[in-house]
């Protein structure tokens, strides 16, 4: 299975860590994902084309949203 790595950036271009301990939650299209030791998102390259919405709440309480318009 192939994966593509993506970074989530804040409004100033700084990387938002997605690692366990740095986030309260990560959701993809409303479904909770399980954080691990990775600071980035690894997206399944065989996923169907479409828009994927990622919502993240950090341990500091900041909430971020990113939309990935995916075309395999």
PDB file of N, CA and C in Angstrom:
ATOM      1  N   UNK A   1       0.845  -1.176   0.000  1.00  0.00           N
ATOM      2  CA  UNK A   1       0.000   0.000   0.000  1.00  0.00           C
ATOM      3  C   UNK A   1       0.887   1.235   0.000  1.00  0.00           C
ATOM      4  N   UNK A   2       0.628   2.140  -0.913  1.00  0.00           N
ATOM      5  CA  UNK A   2       1.397   3.380  -1.008  1.00  0.00           C
ATOM      6  C   UNK A   2       0.709   4.488  -0.239  1.00  0.00           C
ATOM      7  N   UNK A   3       1.510   5.322   0.392  1.00  0.00           N
ATOM      8  CA  UNK A   3       1.004   6.473   1.125  1.00  0.00           C
ATOM      9  C   UNK A   3       1.744   7.725   0.683  1.00  0.00           C
ATOM     10  N   UNK A   4       1.071   8.851   0.832  1.00  0.00           N
ATOM     11  CA  UNK A   4       1.648  10.147   0.503  1.00  0.00           C
ATOM     12  C   UNK A   4       1.670  10.964   1.792  1.00  0.00           C
ATOM     13  N   UNK A   5       2.805  11.606   2.055  1.00  0.00           N
ATOM     14  CA  UNK A   5       2.963  12.373   3.292  1.00  0.00           C
ATOM     15  C   UNK A   5       2.526  13.824   3.091  1.00  0.00           C
ATOM     16  N   UNK A   6       1.748  14.338   4.034  1.00  0.00           N
ATOM     17  CA  UNK A   6       1.317  15.730   4.026  1.00  0.00           C
ATOM     18  C   UNK A   6       1.592  16.364   5.378  1.00  0.00           C
ATOM     19  N   UNK A   7       1.951  17.641   5.361  1.00  0.00           N
ATOM     20  CA  UNK A   7       2.113  18.419   6.581  1.00  0.00           C
ATOM     21  C   UNK A   7       0.903  19.331   6.733  1.00  0.00           C
ATOM     22  N   UNK A   8       0.442  19.500   7.960  1.00  0.00           N
ATOM     23  CA  UNK A   8      -0.584  20.497   8.240  1.00  0.00           C
ATOM     24  C   UNK A   8       0.142  21.750   8.706  1.00  0.00           C
ATOM     25  N   UNK A   9      -0.196  22.885   8.091  1.00  0.00           N
ATOM     26  CA  UNK A   9       0.458  24.155   8.410  1.00  0.00           C
ATOM     27  C   UNK A   9      -0.546  25.120   9.015  1.00  0.00           C
ATOM     28  N   UNK A  10      -0.053  25.949   9.942  1.00  0.00           N
ATOM     29  CA  UNK A  10      -0.925  26.985  10.490  1.00  0.00           C
ATOM     30  C   UNK A  10      -0.912  28.198   9.566  1.00  0.00           C
ATOM     31  N   UNK A  11      -1.577  29.272   9.961  1.00  0.00           N
ATOM     32  CA  UNK A  11      -1.698  30.466   9.129  1.00  0.00           C
ATOM     33  C   UNK A  11      -0.386  31.163   8.826  1.00  0.00           C
ATOM     34  N   UNK A  12       0.641  30.902   9.648  1.00  0.00           N
ATOM     35  CA  UNK A  12       1.957  31.503   9.418  1.00  0.00           C
ATOM     36  C   UNK A  12       2.920  30.553   8.707  1.00  0.00           C
ATOM     37  N   UNK A  13       2.438  29.362   8.358  1.00  0.00           N
ATOM     38  CA  UNK A  13       3.265  28.401   7.642  1.00  0.00           C
ATOM     39  C   UNK A  13       4.045  27.454   8.536  1.00  0.00           C
ATOM     40  N   UNK A  14       3.814  27.516   9.854  1.00  0.00           N
ATOM     41  CA  UNK A  14       4.490  26.596  10.775  1.00  0.00           C
ATOM     42  C   UNK A  14       3.782  25.244  10.758  1.00  0.00           C
ATOM     43  N   UNK A  15       4.556  24.195  10.895  1.00  0.00           N
ATOM     44  CA  UNK A  15       4.005  22.843  10.904  1.00  0.00           C
ATOM     45  C   UNK A  15       3.225  22.599  12.194  1.00  0.00           C
ATOM     46  N   UNK A  16       2.022  22.043  12.063  1.00  0.00           N
ATOM     47  CA  UNK A  16       1.216  21.630  13.203  1.00  0.00           C
ATOM     48  C   UNK A  16       1.489  20.140  13.412  1.00  0.00           C
ATOM     49  N   UNK A  17       2.061  19.787  14.556  1.00  0.00           N
ATOM     50  CA  UNK A  17       2.369  18.387  14.827  1.00  0.00           C
ATOM     51  C   UNK A  17       1.094  17.599  15.043  1.00  0.00           C
ATOM     52  N   UNK A  18       1.013  16.439  14.386  1.00  0.00           N
ATOM     53  CA  UNK A  18      -0.139  15.553  14.515  1.00  0.00           C
ATOM     54  C   UNK A  18       0.182  14.343  15.393  1.00  0.00           C
ATOM     55  N   UNK A  19       1.303  14.397  16.097  1.00  0.00           N
ATOM     56  CA  UNK A  19       1.759  13.270  16.903  1.00  0.00           C
ATOM     57  C   UNK A  19       0.938  13.114  18.181  1.00  0.00           C
ATOM     58  N   UNK A  20       0.853  11.885  18.635  1.00  0.00           N
ATOM     59  CA  UNK A  20       0.209  11.560  19.906  1.00  0.00           C
ATOM     60  C   UNK A  20       0.838  12.413  21.002  1.00  0.00           C
ATOM     61  N   UNK A  21       0.010  13.022  21.811  1.00  0.00           N
ATOM     62  CA  UNK A  21       0.488  13.916  22.864  1.00  0.00           C
ATOM     63  C   UNK A  21       0.437  15.372  22.457  1.00  0.00           C
ATOM     64  N   UNK A  22       0.497  15.633  21.145  1.00  0.00           N
ATOM     65  CA  UNK A  22       0.417  17.003  20.635  1.00  0.00           C
ATOM     66  C   UNK A  22      -0.997  17.364  20.199  1.00  0.00           C
ATOM     67  N   UNK A  23      -1.851  16.345  20.038  1.00  0.00           N
ATOM     68  CA  UNK A  23      -3.218  16.586  19.577  1.00  0.00           C
ATOM     69  C   UNK A  23      -4.227  15.965  20.528  1.00  0.00           C
ATOM     70  N   UNK A  24      -5.372  16.640  20.644  1.00  0.00           N
ATOM     71  CA  UNK A  24      -6.486  16.075  21.393  1.00  0.00           C
ATOM     72  C   UNK A  24      -7.274  15.143  20.477  1.00  0.00           C
ATOM     73  N   UNK A  25      -7.422  15.576  19.202  1.00  0.00           N
ATOM     74  CA  UNK A  25      -8.065  14.698  18.232  1.00  0.00           C
ATOM     75  C   UNK A  25      -7.657  15.080  16.813  1.00  0.00           C
ATOM     76  N   UNK A  26      -7.805  14.101  15.925  1.00  0.00           N
ATOM     77  CA  UNK A  26      -7.693  14.283  14.478  1.00  0.00           C
ATOM     78  C   UNK A  26      -8.928  13.613  13.889  1.00  0.00           C
ATOM     79  N   UNK A  27      -9.633  14.329  13.025  1.00  0.00           N
ATOM     80  CA  UNK A  27     -10.800  13.760  12.355  1.00  0.00           C
ATOM     81  C   UNK A  27     -10.632  13.900  10.845  1.00  0.00           C
ATOM     82  N   UNK A  28     -11.063  12.875  10.137  1.00  0.00           N
ATOM     83  CA  UNK A  28     -11.141  12.938   8.677  1.00  0.00           C
ATOM     84  C   UNK A  28     -12.591  12.758   8.299  1.00  0.00           C
ATOM     85  N   UNK A  29     -13.170  13.797   7.690  1.00  0.00           N
ATOM     86  CA  UNK A  29     -14.587  13.781   7.322  1.00  0.00           C
ATOM     87  C   UNK A  29     -15.467  13.377   8.508  1.00  0.00           C
ATOM     88  N   UNK A  30     -15.108  13.874   9.694  1.00  0.00           N
ATOM     89  CA  UNK A  30     -15.891  13.634  10.894  1.00  0.00           C
ATOM     90  C   UNK A  30     -15.578  12.363  11.652  1.00  0.00           C
ATOM     91  N   UNK A  31     -14.740  11.498  11.082  1.00  0.00           N
ATOM     92  CA  UNK A  31     -14.385  10.235  11.728  1.00  0.00           C
ATOM     93  C   UNK A  31     -13.056  10.388  12.458  1.00  0.00           C
ATOM     94  N   UNK A  32     -13.023   9.984  13.721  1.00  0.00           N
ATOM     95  CA  UNK A  32     -11.798  10.093  14.506  1.00  0.00           C
ATOM     96  C   UNK A  32     -10.706   9.187  13.954  1.00  0.00           C
ATOM     97  N   UNK A  33      -9.503   9.722  13.870  1.00  0.00           N
ATOM     98  CA  UNK A  33      -8.316   8.949  13.515  1.00  0.00           C
ATOM     99  C   UNK A  33      -7.499   8.738  14.781  1.00  0.00           C
ATOM    100  N   UNK A  34      -6.680   7.720  14.801  1.00  0.00           N
ATOM    101  CA  UNK A  34      -5.849   7.421  15.957  1.00  0.00           C
ATOM    102  C   UNK A  34      -4.467   8.036  15.736  1.00  0.00           C
ATOM    103  N   UNK A  35      -4.091   9.026  16.560  1.00  0.00           N
ATOM    104  CA  UNK A  35      -2.758   9.609  16.404  1.00  0.00           C
ATOM    105  C   UNK A  35      -1.681   8.601  16.800  1.00  0.00           C
ATOM    106  N   UNK A  36      -0.508   8.768  16.199  1.00  0.00           N
ATOM    107  CA  UNK A  36       0.626   7.915  16.543  1.00  0.00           C
ATOM    108  C   UNK A  36       1.850   8.802  16.753  1.00  0.00           C
ATOM    109  N   UNK A  37       3.038   8.277  16.531  1.00  0.00           N
ATOM    110  CA  UNK A  37       4.256   9.057  16.771  1.00  0.00           C
ATOM    111  C   UNK A  37       4.646   9.945  15.588  1.00  0.00           C
ATOM    112  N   UNK A  38       3.862   9.934  14.524  1.00  0.00           N
ATOM    113  CA  UNK A  38       4.172  10.725  13.328  1.00  0.00           C
ATOM    114  C   UNK A  38       3.644  12.146  13.463  1.00  0.00           C
ATOM    115  N   UNK A  39       4.443  13.116  13.090  1.00  0.00           N
ATOM    116  CA  UNK A  39       4.025  14.518  13.161  1.00  0.00           C
ATOM    117  C   UNK A  39       3.275  14.945  11.906  1.00  0.00           C
ATOM    118  N   UNK A  40       3.315  14.099  10.882  1.00  0.00           N
ATOM    119  CA  UNK A  40       2.673  14.398   9.606  1.00  0.00           C
ATOM    120  C   UNK A  40       1.551  13.399   9.341  1.00  0.00           C
ATOM    121  N   UNK A  41       0.771  13.677   8.314  1.00  0.00           N
ATOM    122  CA  UNK A  41      -0.320  12.801   7.908  1.00  0.00           C
ATOM    123  C   UNK A  41       0.155  11.929   6.753  1.00  0.00           C
ATOM    124  N   UNK A  42      -0.083  10.634   6.864  1.00  0.00           N
ATOM    125  CA  UNK A  42       0.201   9.712   5.776  1.00  0.00           C
ATOM    126  C   UNK A  42      -1.138   9.290   5.187  1.00  0.00           C
ATOM    127  N   UNK A  43      -1.367   9.712   3.931  1.00  0.00           N
ATOM    128  CA  UNK A  43      -2.649   9.505   3.260  1.00  0.00           C
ATOM    129  C   UNK A  43      -2.521   8.354   2.273  1.00  0.00           C
ATOM    130  N   UNK A  44      -3.507   7.455   2.292  1.00  0.00           N
ATOM    131  CA  UNK A  44      -3.506   6.298   1.406  1.00  0.00           C
ATOM    132  C   UNK A  44      -3.660   6.758  -0.046  1.00  0.00           C
ATOM    133  N   UNK A  45      -2.651   6.498  -0.854  1.00  0.00           N
ATOM    134  CA  UNK A  45      -2.628   6.960  -2.239  1.00  0.00           C
ATOM    135  C   UNK A  45      -3.690   6.292  -3.106  1.00  0.00           C
ATOM    136  N   UNK A  46      -4.278   5.195  -2.639  1.00  0.00           N
ATOM    137  CA  UNK A  46      -5.307   4.516  -3.417  1.00  0.00           C
ATOM    138  C   UNK A  46      -6.720   4.966  -3.014  1.00  0.00           C
ATOM    139  N   UNK A  47      -6.817   5.981  -2.164  1.00  0.00           N
ATOM    140  CA  UNK A  47      -8.129   6.509  -1.780  1.00  0.00           C
ATOM    141  C   UNK A  47      -8.827   7.090  -3.001  1.00  0.00           C
ATOM    142  N   UNK A  48     -10.160   7.009  -3.027  1.00  0.00           N
ATOM    143  CA  UNK A  48     -10.900   7.569  -4.159  1.00  0.00           C
ATOM    144  C   UNK A  48     -10.728   9.086  -4.257  1.00  0.00           C
ATOM    145  N   UNK A  49     -10.868   9.604  -5.459  1.00  0.00           N
ATOM    146  CA  UNK A  49     -10.808  11.054  -5.667  1.00  0.00           C
ATOM    147  C   UNK A  49     -11.912  11.725  -4.861  1.00  0.00           C
ATOM    148  N   UNK A  50     -11.614  12.924  -4.379  1.00  0.00           N
ATOM    149  CA  UNK A  50     -12.615  13.676  -3.643  1.00  0.00           C
ATOM    150  C   UNK A  50     -11.984  14.634  -2.662  1.00  0.00           C
ATOM    151  N   UNK A  51     -12.833  15.332  -1.936  1.00  0.00           N
ATOM    152  CA  UNK A  51     -12.375  16.264  -0.907  1.00  0.00           C
ATOM    153  C   UNK A  51     -12.403  15.564   0.438  1.00  0.00           C
ATOM    154  N   UNK A  52     -11.301  15.656   1.150  1.00  0.00           N
ATOM    155  CA  UNK A  52     -11.167  15.072   2.478  1.00  0.00           C
ATOM    156  C   UNK A  52     -10.921  16.221   3.449  1.00  0.00           C
ATOM    157  N   UNK A  53     -11.779  16.317   4.459  1.00  0.00           N
ATOM    158  CA  UNK A  53     -11.680  17.398   5.434  1.00  0.00           C
ATOM    159  C   UNK A  53     -11.029  16.852   6.700  1.00  0.00           C
ATOM    160  N   UNK A  54      -9.943  17.496   7.116  1.00  0.00           N
ATOM    161  CA  UNK A  54      -9.228  17.102   8.324  1.00  0.00           C
ATOM    162  C   UNK A  54      -9.384  18.200   9.366  1.00  0.00           C
ATOM    163  N   UNK A  55      -9.913  17.820  10.529  1.00  0.00           N
ATOM    164  CA  UNK A  55     -10.043  18.725  11.663  1.00  0.00           C
ATOM    165  C   UNK A  55      -9.104  18.235  12.757  1.00  0.00           C
ATOM    166  N   UNK A  56      -8.336  19.158  13.311  1.00  0.00           N
ATOM    167  CA  UNK A  56      -7.371  18.827  14.351  1.00  0.00           C
ATOM    168  C   UNK A  56      -7.540  19.795  15.510  1.00  0.00           C
ATOM    169  N   UNK A  57      -7.558  19.243  16.712  1.00  0.00           N
ATOM    170  CA  UNK A  57      -7.512  20.069  17.920  1.00  0.00           C
ATOM    171  C   UNK A  57      -6.233  19.704  18.648  1.00  0.00           C
ATOM    172  N   UNK A  58      -5.385  20.700  18.862  1.00  0.00           N
ATOM    173  CA  UNK A  58      -4.110  20.446  19.525  1.00  0.00           C
ATOM    174  C   UNK A  58      -4.292  20.343  21.032  1.00  0.00           C
ATOM    175  N   UNK A  59      -3.278  19.841  21.684  1.00  0.00           N
ATOM    176  CA  UNK A  59      -3.289  19.759  23.147  1.00  0.00           C
ATOM    177  C   UNK A  59      -3.363  21.143  23.769  1.00  0.00           C
ATOM    178  N   UNK A  60      -2.927  22.175  23.039  1.00  0.00           N
ATOM    179  CA  UNK A  60      -2.988  23.562  23.517  1.00  0.00           C
ATOM    180  C   UNK A  60      -4.369  24.174  23.294  1.00  0.00           C
ATOM    181  N   UNK A  61      -5.277  23.427  22.648  1.00  0.00           N
ATOM    182  CA  UNK A  61      -6.641  23.900  22.450  1.00  0.00           C
ATOM    183  C   UNK A  61      -6.904  24.607  21.136  1.00  0.00           C
ATOM    184  N   UNK A  62      -5.899  24.711  20.271  1.00  0.00           N
ATOM    185  CA  UNK A  62      -6.115  25.338  18.963  1.00  0.00           C
ATOM    186  C   UNK A  62      -6.763  24.342  18.015  1.00  0.00           C
ATOM    187  N   UNK A  63      -7.683  24.853  17.184  1.00  0.00           N
ATOM    188  CA  UNK A  63      -8.390  24.000  16.229  1.00  0.00           C
ATOM    189  C   UNK A  63      -8.006  24.420  14.819  1.00  0.00           C
ATOM    190  N   UNK A  64      -7.697  23.432  13.998  1.00  0.00           N
ATOM    191  CA  UNK A  64      -7.309  23.669  12.605  1.00  0.00           C
ATOM    192  C   UNK A  64      -8.171  22.828  11.692  1.00  0.00           C
ATOM    193  N   UNK A  65      -8.376  23.320  10.488  1.00  0.00           N
ATOM    194  CA  UNK A  65      -9.088  22.555   9.454  1.00  0.00           C
ATOM    195  C   UNK A  65      -8.299  22.665   8.163  1.00  0.00           C
ATOM    196  N   UNK A  66      -8.163  21.542   7.492  1.00  0.00           N
ATOM    197  CA  UNK A  66      -7.514  21.510   6.183  1.00  0.00           C
ATOM    198  C   UNK A  66      -8.367  20.665   5.248  1.00  0.00           C
ATOM    199  N   UNK A  67      -8.435  21.078   3.997  1.00  0.00           N
ATOM    200  CA  UNK A  67      -9.165  20.314   2.989  1.00  0.00           C
ATOM    201  C   UNK A  67      -8.151  19.806   1.975  1.00  0.00           C
ATOM    202  N   UNK A  68      -8.159  18.491   1.787  1.00  0.00           N
ATOM    203  CA  UNK A  68      -7.306  17.861   0.797  1.00  0.00           C
ATOM    204  C   UNK A  68      -8.189  17.478  -0.382  1.00  0.00           C
ATOM    205  N   UNK A  69      -7.986  18.147  -1.504  1.00  0.00           N
ATOM    206  CA  UNK A  69      -8.697  17.798  -2.737  1.00  0.00           C
ATOM    207  C   UNK A  69      -7.840  16.764  -3.460  1.00  0.00           C
ATOM    208  N   UNK A  70      -8.193  15.502  -3.296  1.00  0.00           N
ATOM    209  CA  UNK A  70      -7.360  14.399  -3.733  1.00  0.00           C
ATOM    210  C   UNK A  70      -7.761  13.897  -5.118  1.00  0.00           C
ATOM    211  N   UNK A  71      -6.749  13.768  -5.956  1.00  0.00           N
ATOM    212  CA  UNK A  71      -6.896  13.113  -7.258  1.00  0.00           C
ATOM    213  C   UNK A  71      -5.808  12.054  -7.353  1.00  0.00           C
ATOM    214  N   UNK A  72      -6.196  10.776  -7.333  1.00  0.00           N
ATOM    215  CA  UNK A  72      -5.169   9.712  -7.373  1.00  0.00           C
ATOM    216  C   UNK A  72      -4.428   9.671  -8.696  1.00  0.00           C
TER     217      UNK A  72
END
